[in-house]
Structures are given as C-alpha cells and as structure tokens.
C-alpha cells in the first residue's frame, strides 16, 4: 500500500487537485523586439529589459520567471525589468525559446 492510498483511506472525502497550468505560457508575444541592455549602477552590473507592449501583469510574470530561473534578484519598475548582474546572453536565449524577438543593446 503506497502513501497516496493510505491518505485516501484516512481522508476519503478529500479530492486531489491537479497542478494548475503555467501562466507564462499565455504571455502575449509582440512583434517588436524586447531591448536587452547592460548598465552599471553604483559600480554594480545590471541587465535591463524594456520595450514590452503587452499587459503589465504579463511582463511582471515574465520578470518573476526570469528571476527564479537565474536565481538572482531584480525588480520591475517603470515598465522595465531590472536584473542584478550581467545575464544578457542567458536571458536572450530564454526569451527566444519562448518566442520573443530580442535585441541586444550596449556592447
């Protein structure tokens, strides 16, 4: 008897929930490229993504997904995603896999 069967015996009225679909797959893809820039602020490198024309909530979901995949800090301000560190190449490949057009600016 495995663990799930034991739980069903203990809690017969409990219904198992299926995993919800990922929200990132429903992000609106645009025709204009997203601009990926590199800057230094207070001596520390940052990567900036800007130029998304869809809904702000979709851009926030994209920001959260990028931060979790790269395991870095960052924020969403003034319709820009700011990622701590120089991750232009990795971010550009992630966005291209999702179907976005990405333009590299600044080196």
PDB file of N, CA and C in Angstrom:
ATOM      1  N   UNK A   1       0.846  -1.176   0.000  1.00  0.00           N
ATOM      2  CA  UNK A   1       0.000   0.000   0.000  1.00  0.00           C
ATOM      3  C   UNK A   1       0.895   1.244   0.000  1.00  0.00           C
ATOM      4  N   UNK A   2       0.752   2.066  -1.029  1.00  0.00           N
ATOM      5  CA  UNK A   2       1.605   3.243  -1.090  1.00  0.00           C
ATOM      6  C   UNK A   2       0.996   4.398  -0.292  1.00  0.00           C
ATOM      7  N   UNK A   3       1.742   5.484  -0.248  1.00  0.00           N
ATOM      8  CA  UNK A   3       1.376   6.612   0.588  1.00  0.00           C
ATOM      9  C   UNK A   3       0.059   7.269   0.176  1.00  0.00           C
ATOM     10  N   UNK A   4      -0.188   7.406  -1.125  1.00  0.00           N
ATOM     11  CA  UNK A   4      -1.431   8.038  -1.594  1.00  0.00           C
ATOM     12  C   UNK A   4      -2.652   7.208  -1.220  1.00  0.00           C
ATOM     13  N   UNK A   5      -2.540   5.908  -1.303  1.00  0.00           N
ATOM     14  CA  UNK A   5      -3.660   5.039  -0.923  1.00  0.00           C
ATOM     15  C   UNK A   5      -3.941   5.151   0.571  1.00  0.00           C
ATOM     16  N   UNK A   6      -2.902   5.247   1.385  1.00  0.00           N
ATOM     17  CA  UNK A   6      -3.090   5.412   2.822  1.00  0.00           C
ATOM     18  C   UNK A   6      -3.805   6.730   3.130  1.00  0.00           C
ATOM     19  N   UNK A   7      -3.430   7.783   2.427  1.00  0.00           N
ATOM     20  CA  UNK A   7      -4.092   9.071   2.641  1.00  0.00           C
ATOM     21  C   UNK A   7      -5.557   9.020   2.217  1.00  0.00           C
ATOM     22  N   UNK A   8      -5.844   8.306   1.123  1.00  0.00           N
ATOM     23  CA  UNK A   8      -7.238   8.177   0.689  1.00  0.00           C
ATOM     24  C   UNK A   8      -8.071   7.429   1.712  1.00  0.00           C
ATOM     25  N   UNK A   9      -7.468   6.460   2.380  1.00  0.00           N
ATOM     26  CA  UNK A   9      -8.191   5.723   3.426  1.00  0.00           C
ATOM     27  C   UNK A   9      -8.447   6.601   4.643  1.00  0.00           C
ATOM     28  N   UNK A  10      -7.488   7.470   4.971  1.00  0.00           N
ATOM     29  CA  UNK A  10      -7.644   8.343   6.122  1.00  0.00           C
ATOM     30  C   UNK A  10      -8.617   9.492   5.844  1.00  0.00           C
ATOM     31  N   UNK A  11      -8.576  10.031   4.626  1.00  0.00           N
ATOM     32  CA  UNK A  11      -9.409  11.170   4.249  1.00  0.00           C
ATOM     33  C   UNK A  11     -10.175  10.831   2.971  1.00  0.00           C
ATOM     34  N   UNK A  12     -11.262  10.089   3.060  1.00  0.00           N
ATOM     35  CA  UNK A  12     -11.964   9.651   1.849  1.00  0.00           C
ATOM     36  C   UNK A  12     -12.671  10.787   1.094  1.00  0.00           C
ATOM     37  N   UNK A  13     -13.046  11.873   1.789  1.00  0.00           N
ATOM     38  CA  UNK A  13     -13.771  12.945   1.113  1.00  0.00           C
ATOM     39  C   UNK A  13     -12.839  13.945   0.422  1.00  0.00           C
ATOM     40  N   UNK A  14     -11.534  13.822   0.630  1.00  0.00           N
ATOM     41  CA  UNK A  14     -10.570  14.744   0.034  1.00  0.00           C
ATOM     42  C   UNK A  14     -10.413  14.478  -1.467  1.00  0.00           C
ATOM     43  N   UNK A  15     -10.455  15.572  -2.256  1.00  0.00           N
ATOM     44  CA  UNK A  15     -10.263  15.454  -3.695  1.00  0.00           C
ATOM     45  C   UNK A  15      -8.868  15.958  -4.051  1.00  0.00           C
ATOM     46  N   UNK A  16      -8.173  15.192  -4.854  1.00  0.00           N
ATOM     47  CA  UNK A  16      -6.824  15.572  -5.249  1.00  0.00           C
ATOM     48  C   UNK A  16      -6.888  16.673  -6.299  1.00  0.00           C
ATOM     49  N   UNK A  17      -6.113  17.740  -6.073  1.00  0.00           N
ATOM     50  CA  UNK A  17      -6.093  18.859  -7.007  1.00  0.00           C
ATOM     51  C   UNK A  17      -5.011  18.619  -8.046  1.00  0.00           C
ATOM     52  N   UNK A  18      -5.359  18.932  -9.285  1.00  0.00           N
ATOM     53  CA  UNK A  18      -4.375  18.841 -10.353  1.00  0.00           C
ATOM     54  C   UNK A  18      -3.563  20.117 -10.376  1.00  0.00           C
ATOM     55  N   UNK A  19      -2.324  20.029 -10.889  1.00  0.00           N
ATOM     56  CA  UNK A  19      -1.474  21.206 -10.955  1.00  0.00           C
ATOM     57  C   UNK A  19      -2.046  22.205 -11.952  1.00  0.00           C
ATOM     58  N   UNK A  20      -2.097  23.477 -11.567  1.00  0.00           N
ATOM     59  CA  UNK A  20      -2.625  24.482 -12.499  1.00  0.00           C
ATOM     60  C   UNK A  20      -1.651  24.702 -13.653  1.00  0.00           C
ATOM     61  N   UNK A  21      -2.201  25.136 -14.783  1.00  0.00           N
ATOM     62  CA  UNK A  21      -1.359  25.412 -15.936  1.00  0.00           C
ATOM     63  C   UNK A  21      -0.495  26.629 -15.646  1.00  0.00           C
ATOM     64  N   UNK A  22       0.692  26.641 -16.226  1.00  0.00           N
ATOM     65  CA  UNK A  22       1.593  27.760 -16.021  1.00  0.00           C
ATOM     66  C   UNK A  22       1.056  28.994 -16.736  1.00  0.00           C
ATOM     67  N   UNK A  23       1.136  30.125 -16.049  1.00  0.00           N
ATOM     68  CA  UNK A  23       0.649  31.369 -16.622  1.00  0.00           C
ATOM     69  C   UNK A  23       1.601  31.900 -17.685  1.00  0.00           C
ATOM     70  N   UNK A  24       2.877  31.528 -17.585  1.00  0.00           N
ATOM     71  CA  UNK A  24       3.874  32.066 -18.505  1.00  0.00           C
ATOM     72  C   UNK A  24       3.619  31.638 -19.942  1.00  0.00           C
ATOM     73  N   UNK A  25       2.936  30.520 -20.139  1.00  0.00           N
ATOM     74  CA  UNK A  25       2.683  30.057 -21.497  1.00  0.00           C
ATOM     75  C   UNK A  25       1.640  30.913 -22.199  1.00  0.00           C
ATOM     76  N   UNK A  26       0.859  31.682 -21.453  1.00  0.00           N
ATOM     77  CA  UNK A  26      -0.182  32.509 -22.058  1.00  0.00           C
ATOM     78  C   UNK A  26       0.244  33.967 -22.194  1.00  0.00           C
ATOM     79  N   UNK A  27       1.536  34.242 -22.084  1.00  0.00           N
ATOM     80  CA  UNK A  27       2.030  35.612 -22.215  1.00  0.00           C
ATOM     81  C   UNK A  27       1.898  36.054 -23.664  1.00  0.00           C
ATOM     82  N   UNK A  28       1.441  37.282 -23.856  1.00  0.00           N
ATOM     83  CA  UNK A  28       1.241  37.822 -25.190  1.00  0.00           C
ATOM     84  C   UNK A  28       2.589  38.084 -25.838  1.00  0.00           C
ATOM     85  N   UNK A  29       2.785  37.547 -27.045  1.00  0.00           N
ATOM     86  CA  UNK A  29       4.022  37.758 -27.788  1.00  0.00           C
ATOM     87  C   UNK A  29       3.839  38.954 -28.709  1.00  0.00           C
ATOM     88  N   UNK A  30       4.838  39.794 -28.755  1.00  0.00           N
ATOM     89  CA  UNK A  30       4.751  41.005 -29.556  1.00  0.00           C
ATOM     90  C   UNK A  30       5.628  40.891 -30.793  1.00  0.00           C
ATOM     91  N   UNK A  31       5.417  41.788 -31.728  1.00  0.00           N
ATOM     92  CA  UNK A  31       6.190  41.771 -32.959  1.00  0.00           C
ATOM     93  C   UNK A  31       7.473  42.586 -32.829  1.00  0.00           C
ATOM     94  N   UNK A  32       7.449  43.682 -32.095  1.00  0.00           N
ATOM     95  CA  UNK A  32       8.645  44.496 -31.883  1.00  0.00           C
ATOM     96  C   UNK A  32       9.562  43.787 -30.891  1.00  0.00           C
ATOM     97  N   UNK A  33      10.875  43.913 -31.074  1.00  0.00           N
ATOM     98  CA  UNK A  33      11.788  43.204 -30.169  1.00  0.00           C
ATOM     99  C   UNK A  33      11.853  43.830 -28.768  1.00  0.00           C
ATOM    100  N   UNK A  34      12.118  42.988 -27.792  1.00  0.00           N
ATOM    101  CA  UNK A  34      12.387  43.460 -26.434  1.00  0.00           C
ATOM    102  C   UNK A  34      13.852  43.864 -26.397  1.00  0.00           C
ATOM    103  N   UNK A  35      14.141  45.019 -25.816  1.00  0.00           N
ATOM    104  CA  UNK A  35      15.506  45.534 -25.777  1.00  0.00           C
ATOM    105  C   UNK A  35      16.182  45.057 -24.499  1.00  0.00           C
ATOM    106  N   UNK A  36      17.351  44.449 -24.642  1.00  0.00           N
ATOM    107  CA  UNK A  36      18.128  43.917 -23.523  1.00  0.00           C
ATOM    108  C   UNK A  36      19.398  44.756 -23.389  1.00  0.00           C
ATOM    109  N   UNK A  37      19.501  45.554 -22.309  1.00  0.00           N
ATOM    110  CA  UNK A  37      20.623  46.470 -22.112  1.00  0.00           C
ATOM    111  C   UNK A  37      21.459  46.056 -20.904  1.00  0.00           C
ATOM    112  N   UNK A  38      22.704  46.514 -20.933  1.00  0.00           N
ATOM    113  CA  UNK A  38      23.621  46.304 -19.823  1.00  0.00           C
ATOM    114  C   UNK A  38      24.052  47.671 -19.318  1.00  0.00           C
ATOM    115  N   UNK A  39      24.006  47.865 -17.999  1.00  0.00           N
ATOM    116  CA  UNK A  39      24.442  49.119 -17.390  1.00  0.00           C
ATOM    117  C   UNK A  39      25.164  48.808 -16.095  1.00  0.00           C
ATOM    118  N   UNK A  40      25.861  49.817 -15.598  1.00  0.00           N
ATOM    119  CA  UNK A  40      26.446  49.729 -14.265  1.00  0.00           C
ATOM    120  C   UNK A  40      25.847  50.848 -13.435  1.00  0.00           C
ATOM    121  N   UNK A  41      25.294  50.478 -12.300  1.00  0.00           N
ATOM    122  CA  UNK A  41      24.747  51.461 -11.368  1.00  0.00           C
ATOM    123  C   UNK A  41      25.450  51.281 -10.037  1.00  0.00           C
ATOM    124  N   UNK A  42      26.034  52.356  -9.560  1.00  0.00           N
ATOM    125  CA  UNK A  42      26.812  52.344  -8.317  1.00  0.00           C
ATOM    126  C   UNK A  42      27.905  51.279  -8.375  1.00  0.00           C
ATOM    127  N   UNK A  43      28.482  51.088  -9.560  1.00  0.00           N
ATOM    128  CA  UNK A  43      29.590  50.153  -9.732  1.00  0.00           C
ATOM    129  C   UNK A  43      29.191  48.704  -9.895  1.00  0.00           C
ATOM    130  N   UNK A  44      27.903  48.417  -9.863  1.00  0.00           N
ATOM    131  CA  UNK A  44      27.444  47.028  -9.970  1.00  0.00           C
ATOM    132  C   UNK A  44      26.720  46.822 -11.299  1.00  0.00           C
ATOM    133  N   UNK A  45      26.961  45.679 -11.952  1.00  0.00           N
ATOM    134  CA  UNK A  45      26.322  45.439 -13.255  1.00  0.00           C
ATOM    135  C   UNK A  45      24.848  45.052 -13.110  1.00  0.00           C
ATOM    136  N   UNK A  46      24.029  45.535 -14.043  1.00  0.00           N
ATOM    137  CA  UNK A  46      22.620  45.153 -14.099  1.00  0.00           C
ATOM    138  C   UNK A  46      22.220  44.931 -15.553  1.00  0.00           C
ATOM    139  N   UNK A  47      21.205  44.120 -15.750  1.00  0.00           N
ATOM    140  CA  UNK A  47      20.621  43.874 -17.058  1.00  0.00           C
ATOM    141  C   UNK A  47      19.216  44.459 -17.057  1.00  0.00           C
ATOM    142  N   UNK A  48      18.889  45.230 -18.087  1.00  0.00           N
ATOM    143  CA  UNK A  48      17.587  45.887 -18.163  1.00  0.00           C
ATOM    144  C   UNK A  48      16.847  45.380 -19.397  1.00  0.00           C
ATOM    145  N   UNK A  49      15.585  44.986 -19.209  1.00  0.00           N
ATOM    146  CA  UNK A  49      14.716  44.577 -20.314  1.00  0.00           C
ATOM    147  C   UNK A  49      13.598  45.605 -20.426  1.00  0.00           C
ATOM    148  N   UNK A  50      13.413  46.135 -21.617  1.00  0.00           N
ATOM    149  CA  UNK A  50      12.355  47.122 -21.819  1.00  0.00           C
ATOM    150  C   UNK A  50      11.797  46.993 -23.227  1.00  0.00           C
ATOM    151  N   UNK A  51      10.657  47.620 -23.453  1.00  0.00           N
ATOM    152  CA  UNK A  51      10.050  47.640 -24.773  1.00  0.00           C
ATOM    153  C   UNK A  51       8.916  46.649 -24.942  1.00  0.00           C
ATOM    154  N   UNK A  52       8.385  46.086 -23.851  1.00  0.00           N
ATOM    155  CA  UNK A  52       7.253  45.159 -23.945  1.00  0.00           C
ATOM    156  C   UNK A  52       5.972  45.965 -24.067  1.00  0.00           C
ATOM    157  N   UNK A  53       5.152  45.645 -25.059  1.00  0.00           N
ATOM    158  CA  UNK A  53       3.941  46.431 -25.311  1.00  0.00           C
ATOM    159  C   UNK A  53       2.663  45.750 -24.836  1.00  0.00           C
ATOM    160  N   UNK A  54       2.766  44.595 -24.197  1.00  0.00           N
ATOM    161  CA  UNK A  54       1.579  43.884 -23.723  1.00  0.00           C
ATOM    162  C   UNK A  54       1.137  44.396 -22.364  1.00  0.00           C
ATOM    163  N   UNK A  55       0.371  43.580 -21.680  1.00  0.00           N
ATOM    164  CA  UNK A  55      -0.141  43.945 -20.359  1.00  0.00           C
ATOM    165  C   UNK A  55       0.993  43.934 -19.331  1.00  0.00           C
ATOM    166  N   UNK A  56       0.896  44.834 -18.368  1.00  0.00           N
ATOM    167  CA  UNK A  56       1.925  44.935 -17.335  1.00  0.00           C
ATOM    168  C   UNK A  56       1.954  43.671 -16.489  1.00  0.00           C
ATOM    169  N   UNK A  57       0.793  43.061 -16.266  1.00  0.00           N
ATOM    170  CA  UNK A  57       0.768  41.833 -15.458  1.00  0.00           C
ATOM    171  C   UNK A  57       1.538  40.710 -16.142  1.00  0.00           C
ATOM    172  N   UNK A  58       1.465  40.623 -17.483  1.00  0.00           N
ATOM    173  CA  UNK A  58       2.242  39.616 -18.206  1.00  0.00           C
ATOM    174  C   UNK A  58       3.738  39.871 -18.069  1.00  0.00           C
ATOM    175  N   UNK A  59       4.134  41.140 -18.126  1.00  0.00           N
ATOM    176  CA  UNK A  59       5.548  41.491 -18.004  1.00  0.00           C
ATOM    177  C   UNK A  59       6.060  41.171 -16.601  1.00  0.00           C
ATOM    178  N   UNK A  60       5.209  41.351 -15.584  1.00  0.00           N
ATOM    179  CA  UNK A  60       5.594  41.004 -14.214  1.00  0.00           C
ATOM    180  C   UNK A  60       5.773  39.496 -14.064  1.00  0.00           C
ATOM    181  N   UNK A  61       4.908  38.718 -14.700  1.00  0.00           N
ATOM    182  CA  UNK A  61       5.031  37.256 -14.665  1.00  0.00           C
ATOM    183  C   UNK A  61       6.341  36.843 -15.326  1.00  0.00           C
ATOM    184  N   UNK A  62       6.664  37.468 -16.435  1.00  0.00           N
ATOM    185  CA  UNK A  62       7.912  37.178 -17.134  1.00  0.00           C
ATOM    186  C   UNK A  62       9.111  37.540 -16.264  1.00  0.00           C
ATOM    187  N   UNK A  63       9.041  38.666 -15.557  1.00  0.00           N
ATOM    188  CA  UNK A  63      10.131  39.090 -14.672  1.00  0.00           C
ATOM    189  C   UNK A  63      10.347  38.071 -13.562  1.00  0.00           C
ATOM    190  N   UNK A  64       9.268  37.599 -12.969  1.00  0.00           N
ATOM    191  CA  UNK A  64       9.380  36.635 -11.885  1.00  0.00           C
ATOM    192  C   UNK A  64       9.976  35.322 -12.386  1.00  0.00           C
ATOM    193  N   UNK A  65       9.558  34.901 -13.573  1.00  0.00           N
ATOM    194  CA  UNK A  65      10.081  33.653 -14.135  1.00  0.00           C
ATOM    195  C   UNK A  65      11.581  33.758 -14.423  1.00  0.00           C
ATOM    196  N   UNK A  66      12.018  34.890 -14.962  1.00  0.00           N
ATOM    197  CA  UNK A  66      13.441  35.085 -15.248  1.00  0.00           C
ATOM    198  C   UNK A  66      14.245  35.065 -13.960  1.00  0.00           C
ATOM    199  N   UNK A  67      13.756  35.761 -12.939  1.00  0.00           N
ATOM    200  CA  UNK A  67      14.485  35.815 -11.672  1.00  0.00           C
ATOM    201  C   UNK A  67      14.598  34.447 -11.016  1.00  0.00           C
ATOM    202  N   UNK A  68      13.550  33.649 -11.081  1.00  0.00           N
ATOM    203  CA  UNK A  68      13.602  32.331 -10.451  1.00  0.00           C
ATOM    204  C   UNK A  68      14.481  31.369 -11.236  1.00  0.00           C
ATOM    205  N   UNK A  69      14.450  31.425 -12.568  1.00  0.00           N
ATOM    206  CA  UNK A  69      15.296  30.530 -13.357  1.00  0.00           C
ATOM    207  C   UNK A  69      16.778  30.850 -13.194  1.00  0.00           C
ATOM    208  N   UNK A  70      17.110  32.132 -13.074  1.00  0.00           N
ATOM    209  CA  UNK A  70      18.507  32.532 -12.930  1.00  0.00           C
ATOM    210  C   UNK A  70      18.953  32.580 -11.470  1.00  0.00           C
ATOM    211  N   UNK A  71      18.023  32.489 -10.544  1.00  0.00           N
ATOM    212  CA  UNK A  71      18.302  32.567  -9.102  1.00  0.00           C
ATOM    213  C   UNK A  71      19.026  33.866  -8.744  1.00  0.00           C
ATOM    214  N   UNK A  72      18.487  34.971  -9.236  1.00  0.00           N
ATOM    215  CA  UNK A  72      19.072  36.284  -8.960  1.00  0.00           C
ATOM    216  C   UNK A  72      17.983  37.229  -8.478  1.00  0.00           C
ATOM    217  N   UNK A  73      18.409  38.363  -7.976  1.00  0.00           N
ATOM    218  CA  UNK A  73      17.472  39.382  -7.549  1.00  0.00           C
ATOM    219  C   UNK A  73      17.150  40.322  -8.686  1.00  0.00           C
ATOM    220  N   UNK A  74      16.128  41.089  -8.498  1.00  0.00           N
ATOM    221  CA  UNK A  74      15.744  42.053  -9.512  1.00  0.00           C
ATOM    222  C   UNK A  74      14.440  42.713  -9.137  1.00  0.00           C
ATOM    223  N   UNK A  75      13.963  43.575 -10.024  1.00  0.00           N
ATOM    224  CA  UNK A  75      12.714  44.277  -9.749  1.00  0.00           C
ATOM    225  C   UNK A  75      12.038  44.653 -11.057  1.00  0.00           C
ATOM    226  N   UNK A  76      10.811  45.157 -10.915  1.00  0.00           N
ATOM    227  CA  UNK A  76      10.030  45.642 -12.041  1.00  0.00           C
ATOM    228  C   UNK A  76       9.646  47.077 -11.725  1.00  0.00           C
ATOM    229  N   UNK A  77      10.233  48.027 -12.480  1.00  0.00           N
ATOM    230  CA  UNK A  77       9.956  49.448 -12.243  1.00  0.00           C
ATOM    231  C   UNK A  77       9.826  50.166 -13.574  1.00  0.00           C
ATOM    232  N   UNK A  78       8.887  51.081 -13.656  1.00  0.00           N
ATOM    233  CA  UNK A  78       8.718  51.947 -14.831  1.00  0.00           C
ATOM    234  C   UNK A  78       8.658  51.143 -16.132  1.00  0.00           C
ATOM    235  N   UNK A  79       7.918  50.058 -16.126  1.00  0.00           N
ATOM    236  CA  UNK A  79       7.754  49.177 -17.286  1.00  0.00           C
ATOM    237  C   UNK A  79       9.088  48.622 -17.788  1.00  0.00           C
ATOM    238  N   UNK A  80      10.010  48.374 -16.850  1.00  0.00           N
ATOM    239  CA  UNK A  80      11.305  47.772 -17.160  1.00  0.00           C
ATOM    240  C   UNK A  80      11.572  46.665 -16.157  1.00  0.00           C
ATOM    241  N   UNK A  81      12.215  45.600 -16.630  1.00  0.00           N
ATOM    242  CA  UNK A  81      12.672  44.546 -15.731  1.00  0.00           C
ATOM    243  C   UNK A  81      14.147  44.803 -15.474  1.00  0.00           C
ATOM    244  N   UNK A  82      14.523  44.892 -14.197  1.00  0.00           N
ATOM    245  CA  UNK A  82      15.911  45.135 -13.819  1.00  0.00           C
ATOM    246  C   UNK A  82      16.414  43.887 -13.102  1.00  0.00           C
ATOM    247  N   UNK A  83      17.428  43.244 -13.673  1.00  0.00           N
ATOM    248  CA  UNK A  83      18.016  42.023 -13.116  1.00  0.00           C
ATOM    249  C   UNK A  83      19.414  42.342 -12.612  1.00  0.00           C
ATOM    250  N   UNK A  84      19.754  41.889 -11.410  1.00  0.00           N
ATOM    251  CA  UNK A  84      21.071  42.135 -10.846  1.00  0.00           C
ATOM    252  C   UNK A  84      22.093  41.220 -11.504  1.00  0.00           C
ATOM    253  N   UNK A  85      23.113  41.817 -12.116  1.00  0.00           N
ATOM    254  CA  UNK A  85      24.170  41.057 -12.765  1.00  0.00           C
ATOM    255  C   UNK A  85      24.066  41.116 -14.276  1.00  0.00           C
ATOM    256  N   UNK A  86      25.114  40.661 -14.948  1.00  0.00           N
ATOM    257  CA  UNK A  86      25.151  40.661 -16.414  1.00  0.00           C
ATOM    258  C   UNK A  86      24.726  39.283 -16.907  1.00  0.00           C
ATOM    259  N   UNK A  87      23.443  39.136 -17.220  1.00  0.00           N
ATOM    260  CA  UNK A  87      22.879  37.872 -17.686  1.00  0.00           C
ATOM    261  C   UNK A  87      22.242  38.031 -19.061  1.00  0.00           C
ATOM    262  N   UNK A  88      22.791  38.924 -19.889  1.00  0.00           N
ATOM    263  CA  UNK A  88      22.175  39.205 -21.182  1.00  0.00           C
ATOM    264  C   UNK A  88      22.049  37.958 -22.050  1.00  0.00           C
ATOM    265  N   UNK A  89      23.119  37.193 -22.157  1.00  0.00           N
ATOM    266  CA  UNK A  89      23.091  36.021 -23.041  1.00  0.00           C
ATOM    267  C   UNK A  89      22.062  34.994 -22.594  1.00  0.00           C
ATOM    268  N   UNK A  90      22.031  34.686 -21.307  1.00  0.00           N
ATOM    269  CA  UNK A  90      21.087  33.694 -20.792  1.00  0.00           C
ATOM    270  C   UNK A  90      19.642  34.163 -20.935  1.00  0.00           C
ATOM    271  N   UNK A  91      19.410  35.443 -20.631  1.00  0.00           N
ATOM    272  CA  UNK A  91      18.057  35.984 -20.735  1.00  0.00           C
ATOM    273  C   UNK A  91      17.598  35.997 -22.188  1.00  0.00           C
ATOM    274  N   UNK A  92      18.496  36.355 -23.092  1.00  0.00           N
ATOM    275  CA  UNK A  92      18.128  36.399 -24.511  1.00  0.00           C
ATOM    276  C   UNK A  92      17.774  35.008 -25.025  1.00  0.00           C
ATOM    277  N   UNK A  93      18.509  33.974 -24.618  1.00  0.00           N
ATOM    278  CA  UNK A  93      18.174  32.618 -25.067  1.00  0.00           C
ATOM    279  C   UNK A  93      16.850  32.163 -24.463  1.00  0.00           C
ATOM    280  N   UNK A  94      16.586  32.524 -23.196  1.00  0.00           N
ATOM    281  CA  UNK A  94      15.314  32.158 -22.569  1.00  0.00           C
ATOM    282  C   UNK A  94      14.141  32.803 -23.306  1.00  0.00           C
ATOM    283  N   UNK A  95      14.281  34.077 -23.639  1.00  0.00           N
ATOM    284  CA  UNK A  95      13.196  34.787 -24.315  1.00  0.00           C
ATOM    285  C   UNK A  95      12.999  34.276 -25.738  1.00  0.00           C
ATOM    286  N   UNK A  96      14.088  33.938 -26.425  1.00  0.00           N
ATOM    287  CA  UNK A  96      13.967  33.400 -27.785  1.00  0.00           C
ATOM    288  C   UNK A  96      13.278  32.043 -27.780  1.00  0.00           C
ATOM    289  N   UNK A  97      13.536  31.220 -26.747  1.00  0.00           N
ATOM    290  CA  UNK A  97      12.856  29.932 -26.629  1.00  0.00           C
ATOM    291  C   UNK A  97      11.356  30.115 -26.432  1.00  0.00           C
ATOM    292  N   UNK A  98      10.962  31.206 -25.772  1.00  0.00           N
ATOM    293  CA  UNK A  98       9.544  31.480 -25.550  1.00  0.00           C
ATOM    294  C   UNK A  98       8.867  32.059 -26.795  1.00  0.00           C
ATOM    295  N   UNK A  99       9.667  32.521 -27.758  1.00  0.00           N
ATOM    296  CA  UNK A  99       9.099  33.055 -28.982  1.00  0.00           C
ATOM    297  C   UNK A  99       9.219  34.561 -29.126  1.00  0.00           C
ATOM    298  N   UNK A 100       9.911  35.224 -28.217  1.00  0.00           N
ATOM    299  CA  UNK A 100      10.101  36.666 -28.292  1.00  0.00           C
ATOM    300  C   UNK A 100      11.238  36.999 -29.238  1.00  0.00           C
ATOM    301  N   UNK A 101      11.174  38.194 -29.805  1.00  0.00           N
ATOM    302  CA  UNK A 101      12.308  38.747 -30.536  1.00  0.00           C
ATOM    303  C   UNK A 101      13.061  39.627 -29.557  1.00  0.00           C
ATOM    304  N   UNK A 102      14.389  39.480 -29.517  1.00  0.00           N
ATOM    305  CA  UNK A 102      15.191  40.211 -28.544  1.00  0.00           C
ATOM    306  C   UNK A 102      16.305  40.936 -29.279  1.00  0.00           C
ATOM    307  N   UNK A 103      16.548  42.193 -28.884  1.00  0.00           N
ATOM    308  CA  UNK A 103      17.594  43.000 -29.473  1.00  0.00           C
ATOM    309  C   UNK A 103      18.591  43.370 -28.385  1.00  0.00           C
ATOM    310  N   UNK A 104      19.868  43.095 -28.643  1.00  0.00           N
ATOM    311  CA  UNK A 104      20.912  43.396 -27.663  1.00  0.00           C
ATOM    312  C   UNK A 104      21.433  44.802 -27.902  1.00  0.00           C
ATOM    313  N   UNK A 105      21.512  45.580 -26.817  1.00  0.00           N
ATOM    314  CA  UNK A 105      21.962  46.969 -26.890  1.00  0.00           C
ATOM    315  C   UNK A 105      23.059  47.179 -25.839  1.00  0.00           C
ATOM    316  N   UNK A 106      24.110  47.866 -26.206  1.00  0.00           N
ATOM    317  CA  UNK A 106      25.133  48.230 -25.225  1.00  0.00           C
ATOM    318  C   UNK A 106      26.235  47.220 -25.066  1.00  0.00           C
ATOM    319  N   UNK A 107      26.896  46.865 -26.116  1.00  0.00           N
ATOM    320  CA  UNK A 107      28.099  46.036 -26.028  1.00  0.00           C
ATOM    321  C   UNK A 107      27.967  44.627 -26.352  1.00  0.00           C
TER     322      UNK A 107
END
